[in-house]
């Protein structure tokens, strides 16, 4: 049975620049499911992978703040 957490690795709905990042993590999540037995540690691995995916997507969205003005 497919773990419920896999719904959060979906990426088809994302814009292309985010889809590219998210797809890497979705592919790895599929590999984890295929390679590891269904147990608590696999669930932890998938949860942490989801956290990493979310951080990577935010990194792609990151916009640097404008530089601070020099004091007068």
PDB file of N, CA and C in Angstrom:
ATOM      1  N   UNK A   1       0.843  -1.193   0.000  1.00  0.00           N
ATOM      2  CA  UNK A   1       0.000   0.000   0.000  1.00  0.00           C
ATOM      3  C   UNK A   1       0.885   1.253   0.000  1.00  0.00           C
ATOM      4  N   UNK A   2       0.472   2.228  -0.755  1.00  0.00           N
ATOM      5  CA  UNK A   2       1.213   3.478  -0.884  1.00  0.00           C
ATOM      6  C   UNK A   2       1.011   4.333   0.377  1.00  0.00           C
ATOM      7  N   UNK A   3       2.110   4.818   0.968  1.00  0.00           N
ATOM      8  CA  UNK A   3       1.985   5.652   2.176  1.00  0.00           C
ATOM      9  C   UNK A   3       1.266   6.971   1.870  1.00  0.00           C
ATOM     10  N   UNK A   4       0.468   7.425   2.804  1.00  0.00           N
ATOM     11  CA  UNK A   4      -0.274   8.683   2.643  1.00  0.00           C
ATOM     12  C   UNK A   4       0.635   9.883   2.418  1.00  0.00           C
ATOM     13  N   UNK A   5       1.841   9.838   2.986  1.00  0.00           N
ATOM     14  CA  UNK A   5       2.755  10.977   2.865  1.00  0.00           C
ATOM     15  C   UNK A   5       3.125  11.267   1.416  1.00  0.00           C
ATOM     16  N   UNK A   6       2.974  10.275   0.538  1.00  0.00           N
ATOM     17  CA  UNK A   6       3.359  10.461  -0.859  1.00  0.00           C
ATOM     18  C   UNK A   6       2.533  11.544  -1.555  1.00  0.00           C
ATOM     19  N   UNK A   7       1.349  11.839  -1.042  1.00  0.00           N
ATOM     20  CA  UNK A   7       0.541  12.907  -1.647  1.00  0.00           C
ATOM     21  C   UNK A   7       1.266  14.248  -1.601  1.00  0.00           C
ATOM     22  N   UNK A   8       2.151  14.418  -0.629  1.00  0.00           N
ATOM     23  CA  UNK A   8       2.854  15.686  -0.470  1.00  0.00           C
ATOM     24  C   UNK A   8       4.085  15.789  -1.365  1.00  0.00           C
ATOM     25  N   UNK A   9       4.411  14.712  -2.065  1.00  0.00           N
ATOM     26  CA  UNK A   9       5.507  14.738  -3.032  1.00  0.00           C
ATOM     27  C   UNK A   9       4.998  15.006  -4.450  1.00  0.00           C
ATOM     28  N   UNK A  10       3.698  15.213  -4.604  1.00  0.00           N
ATOM     29  CA  UNK A  10       3.137  15.518  -5.926  1.00  0.00           C
ATOM     30  C   UNK A  10       3.740  16.828  -6.433  1.00  0.00           C
ATOM     31  N   UNK A  11       3.992  16.894  -7.727  1.00  0.00           N
ATOM     32  CA  UNK A  11       4.618  18.103  -8.277  1.00  0.00           C
ATOM     33  C   UNK A  11       4.015  18.567  -9.602  1.00  0.00           C
ATOM     34  N   UNK A  12       3.101  17.815 -10.178  1.00  0.00           N
ATOM     35  CA  UNK A  12       2.537  18.168 -11.485  1.00  0.00           C
ATOM     36  C   UNK A  12       1.844  19.532 -11.475  1.00  0.00           C
ATOM     37  N   UNK A  13       1.338  19.937 -10.331  1.00  0.00           N
ATOM     38  CA  UNK A  13       0.606  21.201 -10.228  1.00  0.00           C
ATOM     39  C   UNK A  13       1.514  22.422 -10.096  1.00  0.00           C
ATOM     40  N   UNK A  14       2.795  22.182  -9.908  1.00  0.00           N
ATOM     41  CA  UNK A  14       3.726  23.290  -9.652  1.00  0.00           C
ATOM     42  C   UNK A  14       4.206  23.949 -10.940  1.00  0.00           C
ATOM     43  N   UNK A  15       4.611  25.219 -10.863  1.00  0.00           N
ATOM     44  CA  UNK A  15       5.237  25.847 -12.017  1.00  0.00           C
ATOM     45  C   UNK A  15       6.553  25.125 -12.342  1.00  0.00           C
ATOM     46  N   UNK A  16       6.987  25.222 -13.565  1.00  0.00           N
ATOM     47  CA  UNK A  16       8.144  24.457 -14.041  1.00  0.00           C
ATOM     48  C   UNK A  16       9.372  24.600 -13.157  1.00  0.00           C
ATOM     49  N   UNK A  17       9.718  25.812 -12.745  1.00  0.00           N
ATOM     50  CA  UNK A  17      10.943  26.002 -11.966  1.00  0.00           C
ATOM     51  C   UNK A  17      10.880  25.320 -10.596  1.00  0.00           C
ATOM     52  N   UNK A  18       9.682  25.140 -10.053  1.00  0.00           N
ATOM     53  CA  UNK A  18       9.537  24.422  -8.786  1.00  0.00           C
ATOM     54  C   UNK A  18       9.350  22.927  -9.027  1.00  0.00           C
ATOM     55  N   UNK A  19       8.734  22.590 -10.124  1.00  0.00           N
ATOM     56  CA  UNK A  19       8.517  21.179 -10.473  1.00  0.00           C
ATOM     57  C   UNK A  19       9.854  20.453 -10.605  1.00  0.00           C
ATOM     58  N   UNK A  20      10.833  21.103 -11.204  1.00  0.00           N
ATOM     59  CA  UNK A  20      12.154  20.489 -11.389  1.00  0.00           C
ATOM     60  C   UNK A  20      12.783  20.104 -10.058  1.00  0.00           C
ATOM     61  N   UNK A  21      12.660  20.980  -9.073  1.00  0.00           N
ATOM     62  CA  UNK A  21      13.217  20.714  -7.747  1.00  0.00           C
ATOM     63  C   UNK A  21      12.428  19.614  -7.052  1.00  0.00           C
ATOM     64  N   UNK A  22      11.123  19.740  -7.038  1.00  0.00           N
ATOM     65  CA  UNK A  22      10.266  18.812  -6.314  1.00  0.00           C
ATOM     66  C   UNK A  22      10.333  17.394  -6.883  1.00  0.00           C
ATOM     67  N   UNK A  23      10.478  17.289  -8.212  1.00  0.00           N
ATOM     68  CA  UNK A  23      10.521  15.978  -8.854  1.00  0.00           C
ATOM     69  C   UNK A  23      11.684  15.134  -8.348  1.00  0.00           C
ATOM     70  N   UNK A  24      12.815  15.753  -8.083  1.00  0.00           N
ATOM     71  CA  UNK A  24      13.975  15.018  -7.568  1.00  0.00           C
ATOM     72  C   UNK A  24      13.642  14.305  -6.262  1.00  0.00           C
ATOM     73  N   UNK A  25      12.938  14.999  -5.390  1.00  0.00           N
ATOM     74  CA  UNK A  25      12.575  14.439  -4.097  1.00  0.00           C
ATOM     75  C   UNK A  25      11.482  13.381  -4.229  1.00  0.00           C
ATOM     76  N   UNK A  26      10.554  13.594  -5.146  1.00  0.00           N
ATOM     77  CA  UNK A  26       9.505  12.597  -5.385  1.00  0.00           C
ATOM     78  C   UNK A  26      10.122  11.299  -5.897  1.00  0.00           C
ATOM     79  N   UNK A  27      11.089  11.427  -6.797  1.00  0.00           N
ATOM     80  CA  UNK A  27      11.760  10.235  -7.317  1.00  0.00           C
ATOM     81  C   UNK A  27      12.503   9.495  -6.204  1.00  0.00           C
ATOM     82  N   UNK A  28      13.168  10.235  -5.339  1.00  0.00           N
ATOM     83  CA  UNK A  28      13.879   9.608  -4.228  1.00  0.00           C
ATOM     84  C   UNK A  28      12.897   8.962  -3.250  1.00  0.00           C
ATOM     85  N   UNK A  29      11.769   9.602  -3.002  1.00  0.00           N
ATOM     86  CA  UNK A  29      10.760   9.016  -2.115  1.00  0.00           C
ATOM     87  C   UNK A  29      10.258   7.690  -2.681  1.00  0.00           C
ATOM     88  N   UNK A  30      10.051   7.637  -3.991  1.00  0.00           N
ATOM     89  CA  UNK A  30       9.641   6.372  -4.621  1.00  0.00           C
ATOM     90  C   UNK A  30      10.713   5.302  -4.433  1.00  0.00           C
ATOM     91  N   UNK A  31      11.973   5.689  -4.560  1.00  0.00           N
ATOM     92  CA  UNK A  31      13.068   4.743  -4.371  1.00  0.00           C
ATOM     93  C   UNK A  31      13.122   4.236  -2.929  1.00  0.00           C
ATOM     94  N   UNK A  32      12.876   5.121  -1.985  1.00  0.00           N
ATOM     95  CA  UNK A  32      12.862   4.720  -0.569  1.00  0.00           C
ATOM     96  C   UNK A  32      11.762   3.686  -0.337  1.00  0.00           C
ATOM     97  N   UNK A  33      10.592   3.937  -0.885  1.00  0.00           N
ATOM     98  CA  UNK A  33       9.476   3.006  -0.720  1.00  0.00           C
ATOM     99  C   UNK A  33       9.806   1.646  -1.330  1.00  0.00           C
ATOM    100  N   UNK A  34      10.453   1.668  -2.480  1.00  0.00           N
ATOM    101  CA  UNK A  34      10.800   0.411  -3.154  1.00  0.00           C
ATOM    102  C   UNK A  34      11.899  -0.356  -2.434  1.00  0.00           C
ATOM    103  N   UNK A  35      12.850   0.370  -1.853  1.00  0.00           N
ATOM    104  CA  UNK A  35      14.045  -0.275  -1.306  1.00  0.00           C
ATOM    105  C   UNK A  35      13.930  -0.696   0.151  1.00  0.00           C
ATOM    106  N   UNK A  36      13.050  -0.053   0.894  1.00  0.00           N
ATOM    107  CA  UNK A  36      13.015  -0.290   2.343  1.00  0.00           C
ATOM    108  C   UNK A  36      11.700  -0.927   2.781  1.00  0.00           C
ATOM    109  N   UNK A  37      11.777  -1.749   3.838  1.00  0.00           N
ATOM    110  CA  UNK A  37      10.539  -2.347   4.354  1.00  0.00           C
ATOM    111  C   UNK A  37       9.664  -1.289   5.021  1.00  0.00           C
ATOM    112  N   UNK A  38       8.374  -1.553   5.054  1.00  0.00           N
ATOM    113  CA  UNK A  38       7.407  -0.643   5.667  1.00  0.00           C
ATOM    114  C   UNK A  38       7.529  -0.754   7.174  1.00  0.00           C
ATOM    115  N   UNK A  39       8.193   0.234   7.771  1.00  0.00           N
ATOM    116  CA  UNK A  39       8.335   0.267   9.221  1.00  0.00           C
ATOM    117  C   UNK A  39       8.483   1.711   9.681  1.00  0.00           C
ATOM    118  N   UNK A  40       8.626   1.900  10.964  1.00  0.00           N
ATOM    119  CA  UNK A  40       8.670   3.246  11.535  1.00  0.00           C
ATOM    120  C   UNK A  40       9.848   4.055  10.993  1.00  0.00           C
ATOM    121  N   UNK A  41      10.988   3.419  10.788  1.00  0.00           N
ATOM    122  CA  UNK A  41      12.160   4.145  10.304  1.00  0.00           C
ATOM    123  C   UNK A  41      11.988   4.599   8.861  1.00  0.00           C
ATOM    124  N   UNK A  42      11.311   3.816   8.044  1.00  0.00           N
ATOM    125  CA  UNK A  42      11.028   4.265   6.681  1.00  0.00           C
ATOM    126  C   UNK A  42      10.108   5.481   6.725  1.00  0.00           C
ATOM    127  N   UNK A  43       9.146   5.473   7.619  1.00  0.00           N
ATOM    128  CA  UNK A  43       8.260   6.626   7.772  1.00  0.00           C
ATOM    129  C   UNK A  43       9.036   7.873   8.170  1.00  0.00           C
ATOM    130  N   UNK A  44       9.988   7.707   9.078  1.00  0.00           N
ATOM    131  CA  UNK A  44      10.826   8.841   9.483  1.00  0.00           C
ATOM    132  C   UNK A  44      11.645   9.333   8.292  1.00  0.00           C
ATOM    133  N   UNK A  45      12.212   8.414   7.522  1.00  0.00           N
ATOM    134  CA  UNK A  45      13.001   8.789   6.352  1.00  0.00           C
ATOM    135  C   UNK A  45      12.152   9.589   5.367  1.00  0.00           C
ATOM    136  N   UNK A  46      10.936   9.157   5.111  1.00  0.00           N
ATOM    137  CA  UNK A  46      10.059   9.870   4.190  1.00  0.00           C
ATOM    138  C   UNK A  46       9.664  11.236   4.736  1.00  0.00           C
ATOM    139  N   UNK A  47       9.410  11.308   6.030  1.00  0.00           N
ATOM    140  CA  UNK A  47       9.029  12.588   6.636  1.00  0.00           C
ATOM    141  C   UNK A  47      10.177  13.593   6.541  1.00  0.00           C
ATOM    142  N   UNK A  48      11.391  13.123   6.806  1.00  0.00           N
ATOM    143  CA  UNK A  48      12.551  14.020   6.736  1.00  0.00           C
ATOM    144  C   UNK A  48      12.849  14.411   5.293  1.00  0.00           C
ATOM    145  N   UNK A  49      12.626  13.498   4.370  1.00  0.00           N
ATOM    146  CA  UNK A  49      12.788  13.811   2.956  1.00  0.00           C
ATOM    147  C   UNK A  49      11.774  14.877   2.531  1.00  0.00           C
ATOM    148  N   UNK A  50      10.560  14.792   3.052  1.00  0.00           N
ATOM    149  CA  UNK A  50       9.543  15.801   2.767  1.00  0.00           C
ATOM    150  C   UNK A  50       9.973  17.161   3.316  1.00  0.00           C
ATOM    151  N   UNK A  51      10.546  17.174   4.510  1.00  0.00           N
ATOM    152  CA  UNK A  51      11.058  18.425   5.079  1.00  0.00           C
ATOM    153  C   UNK A  51      12.154  19.006   4.191  1.00  0.00           C
ATOM    154  N   UNK A  52      13.029  18.138   3.700  1.00  0.00           N
ATOM    155  CA  UNK A  52      14.107  18.593   2.818  1.00  0.00           C
ATOM    156  C   UNK A  52      13.545  19.131   1.510  1.00  0.00           C
ATOM    157  N   UNK A  53      12.532  18.462   0.969  1.00  0.00           N
ATOM    158  CA  UNK A  53      11.897  18.931  -0.270  1.00  0.00           C
ATOM    159  C   UNK A  53      11.291  20.314  -0.072  1.00  0.00           C
ATOM    160  N   UNK A  54      10.592  20.499   1.033  1.00  0.00           N
ATOM    161  CA  UNK A  54       9.985  21.798   1.314  1.00  0.00           C
ATOM    162  C   UNK A  54      11.053  22.889   1.409  1.00  0.00           C
ATOM    163  N   UNK A  55      12.177  22.577   2.060  1.00  0.00           N
ATOM    164  CA  UNK A  55      13.262  23.550   2.181  1.00  0.00           C
ATOM    165  C   UNK A  55      13.871  23.858   0.813  1.00  0.00           C
ATOM    166  N   UNK A  56      14.028  22.851  -0.026  1.00  0.00           N
ATOM    167  CA  UNK A  56      14.603  23.059  -1.357  1.00  0.00           C
ATOM    168  C   UNK A  56      13.684  23.920  -2.221  1.00  0.00           C
ATOM    169  N   UNK A  57      12.391  23.701  -2.130  1.00  0.00           N
ATOM    170  CA  UNK A  57      11.441  24.524  -2.886  1.00  0.00           C
ATOM    171  C   UNK A  57      11.501  25.966  -2.383  1.00  0.00           C
ATOM    172  N   UNK A  58      11.572  26.147  -1.072  1.00  0.00           N
ATOM    173  CA  UNK A  58      11.693  27.511  -0.532  1.00  0.00           C
ATOM    174  C   UNK A  58      12.992  28.158  -0.971  1.00  0.00           C
ATOM    175  N   UNK A  59      14.068  27.366  -1.056  1.00  0.00           N
ATOM    176  CA  UNK A  59      15.352  27.901  -1.522  1.00  0.00           C
ATOM    177  C   UNK A  59      15.233  28.400  -2.952  1.00  0.00           C
ATOM    178  N   UNK A  60      14.490  27.681  -3.789  1.00  0.00           N
ATOM    179  CA  UNK A  60      14.296  28.112  -5.170  1.00  0.00           C
ATOM    180  C   UNK A  60      13.466  29.397  -5.218  1.00  0.00           C
ATOM    181  N   UNK A  61      12.554  29.567  -4.277  1.00  0.00           N
ATOM    182  CA  UNK A  61      11.701  30.757  -4.235  1.00  0.00           C
ATOM    183  C   UNK A  61      12.374  31.966  -3.593  1.00  0.00           C
ATOM    184  N   UNK A  62      13.463  31.730  -2.897  1.00  0.00           N
ATOM    185  CA  UNK A  62      14.123  32.771  -2.104  1.00  0.00           C
ATOM    186  C   UNK A  62      14.491  33.981  -2.954  1.00  0.00           C
ATOM    187  N   UNK A  63      14.179  35.136  -2.433  1.00  0.00           N
ATOM    188  CA  UNK A  63      14.555  36.393  -3.050  1.00  0.00           C
ATOM    189  C   UNK A  63      15.407  37.134  -2.027  1.00  0.00           C
ATOM    190  N   UNK A  64      16.602  37.465  -2.418  1.00  0.00           N
ATOM    191  CA  UNK A  64      17.490  38.182  -1.499  1.00  0.00           C
ATOM    192  C   UNK A  64      16.921  39.545  -1.158  1.00  0.00           C
ATOM    193  N   UNK A  65      17.108  39.922   0.078  1.00  0.00           N
ATOM    194  CA  UNK A  65      16.662  41.248   0.513  1.00  0.00           C
ATOM    195  C   UNK A  65      17.565  42.301  -0.114  1.00  0.00           C
ATOM    196  N   UNK A  66      17.013  43.467  -0.423  1.00  0.00           N
ATOM    197  CA  UNK A  66      17.870  44.532  -0.960  1.00  0.00           C
ATOM    198  C   UNK A  66      18.910  44.921   0.079  1.00  0.00           C
ATOM    199  N   UNK A  67      20.059  45.376  -0.363  1.00  0.00           N
ATOM    200  CA  UNK A  67      21.105  45.763   0.603  1.00  0.00           C
ATOM    201  C   UNK A  67      20.629  46.899   1.505  1.00  0.00           C
ATOM    202  N   UNK A  68      21.133  46.873   2.714  1.00  0.00           N
ATOM    203  CA  UNK A  68      20.795  47.935   3.668  1.00  0.00           C
ATOM    204  C   UNK A  68      21.527  49.215   3.249  1.00  0.00           C
ATOM    205  N   UNK A  69      20.852  50.360   3.375  1.00  0.00           N
ATOM    206  CA  UNK A  69      21.546  51.615   3.039  1.00  0.00           C
ATOM    207  C   UNK A  69      22.668  51.898   4.029  1.00  0.00           C
ATOM    208  N   UNK A  70      23.701  52.525   3.541  1.00  0.00           N
ATOM    209  CA  UNK A  70      24.831  52.921   4.420  1.00  0.00           C
ATOM    210  C   UNK A  70      24.355  53.988   5.396  1.00  0.00           C
ATOM    211  N   UNK A  71      24.819  53.918   6.646  1.00  0.00           N
ATOM    212  CA  UNK A  71      24.440  54.975   7.597  1.00  0.00           C
ATOM    213  C   UNK A  71      24.986  56.330   7.133  1.00  0.00           C
ATOM    214  N   UNK A  72      24.249  57.376   7.433  1.00  0.00           N
ATOM    215  CA  UNK A  72      24.634  58.741   6.996  1.00  0.00           C
ATOM    216  C   UNK A  72      25.759  59.296   7.828  1.00  0.00           C
TER     217      UNK A  72
END
